Amino acid sequence: MTITTAQIRGARGLLNWTQQDLSERTDISATSIGAIENGQTMPRESTLQAFRKAFEDAGVEFTSGDGVRKKDMKVDFY
């Protein structure tokens, strides 16, 4: 599943990340991130994968319909 620009903005919001924060975690310039989020540039699949990995590593999961949410960090003890 590919992610949308709305999900990128939403995931940044959940994590309280700036475009610069995402840039530092993906090695993609903040200027490029801004252009992608504003629809000025169509991102490569590799760029979307880098975004997805950074967000998922930080505890975000992507849902259908442009959705994002924090992963349930529930720990079960046995």
Protein backbone atom coordinates (compact mmCIF):
# COMPACT_ATOMS: atom_id res chain seq x y z
CA MET A 1 0.00 0.00 0.00
CA THR A 2 1.37 3.38 -0.97
CA ILE A 3 0.89 6.38 1.28
CA THR A 4 -0.72 9.67 0.33
CA THR A 5 0.35 13.25 0.94
CA ALA A 6 -2.51 13.56 3.44
CA GLN A 7 -1.08 10.61 5.36
CA ILE A 8 2.38 12.14 5.32
CA ARG A 9 1.05 15.37 6.82
CA GLY A 10 -1.11 13.43 9.28
CA ALA A 11 1.75 11.23 10.43
CA ARG A 12 3.97 14.26 10.96
CA GLY A 13 1.19 15.84 12.99
CA LEU A 14 0.77 12.74 15.18
CA LEU A 15 4.47 12.74 15.93
CA ASN A 16 4.72 16.54 16.17
CA TRP A 17 7.46 16.45 13.53
CA THR A 18 8.37 19.36 11.31
CA GLN A 19 9.34 18.84 7.70
CA GLN A 20 12.92 19.26 8.88
CA ASP A 21 12.46 16.43 11.42
CA LEU A 22 11.25 14.12 8.65
CA SER A 23 14.10 15.29 6.45
CA GLU A 24 16.67 14.33 9.07
CA ARG A 25 15.16 10.84 9.37
CA THR A 26 14.94 10.19 5.62
CA ASP A 27 17.79 12.20 4.05
CA ILE A 28 15.21 13.89 1.80
CA SER A 29 15.38 17.67 1.82
CA ALA A 30 12.76 19.64 3.72
CA THR A 31 12.19 21.64 0.52
CA SER A 32 11.35 18.43 -1.36
CA ILE A 33 9.06 17.29 1.46
CA GLY A 34 7.21 20.61 1.31
CA ALA A 35 6.81 20.34 -2.46
CA ILE A 36 5.47 16.79 -2.12
CA GLU A 37 3.02 17.74 0.63
CA ASN A 38 1.76 20.72 -1.39
CA GLY A 39 1.25 18.63 -4.52
CA GLN A 40 3.92 20.49 -6.49
CA THR A 41 6.03 17.35 -6.96
CA MET A 42 5.09 13.72 -7.50
CA PRO A 43 7.26 11.62 -5.18
CA ARG A 44 9.14 8.52 -6.31
CA GLU A 45 8.10 5.20 -4.84
CA SER A 46 11.47 5.01 -3.06
CA THR A 47 10.75 8.37 -1.40
CA LEU A 48 7.34 7.18 -0.19
CA GLN A 49 8.96 4.01 1.14
CA ALA A 50 11.52 6.09 3.06
CA PHE A 51 8.73 8.18 4.58
CA ARG A 52 6.71 5.09 5.47
CA LYS A 53 9.69 3.41 7.16
CA ALA A 54 10.53 6.51 9.20
CA PHE A 55 6.94 6.86 10.38
CA GLU A 56 6.44 3.18 11.12
CA ASP A 57 9.74 3.07 13.04
CA ALA A 58 8.35 5.95 15.13
CA GLY A 59 5.13 4.09 15.92
CA VAL A 60 2.69 5.25 13.24
CA GLU A 61 0.54 2.89 11.20
CA PHE A 62 -1.32 3.72 8.02
CA THR A 63 -4.97 2.84 7.54
CA SER A 64 -7.28 2.89 4.55
CA GLY A 65 -8.87 6.10 3.35
CA ASP A 66 -5.89 8.41 4.00
CA GLY A 67 -5.85 7.43 7.68
CA VAL A 68 -3.02 7.32 10.19
CA ARG A 69 -2.89 6.37 13.84
CA LYS A 70 -0.38 5.57 16.51
CA LYS A 71 0.30 1.88 16.91
CA ASP A 72 -1.10 0.19 19.95
CA MET A 73 2.02 -0.27 22.00
CA LYS A 74 0.35 -2.83 24.21
CA VAL A 75 2.67 -5.29 25.87
CA ASP A 76 1.39 -8.65 27.04
CA PHE A 77 3.03 -10.36 29.99
CA TYR A 78 2.80 -14.11 30.41
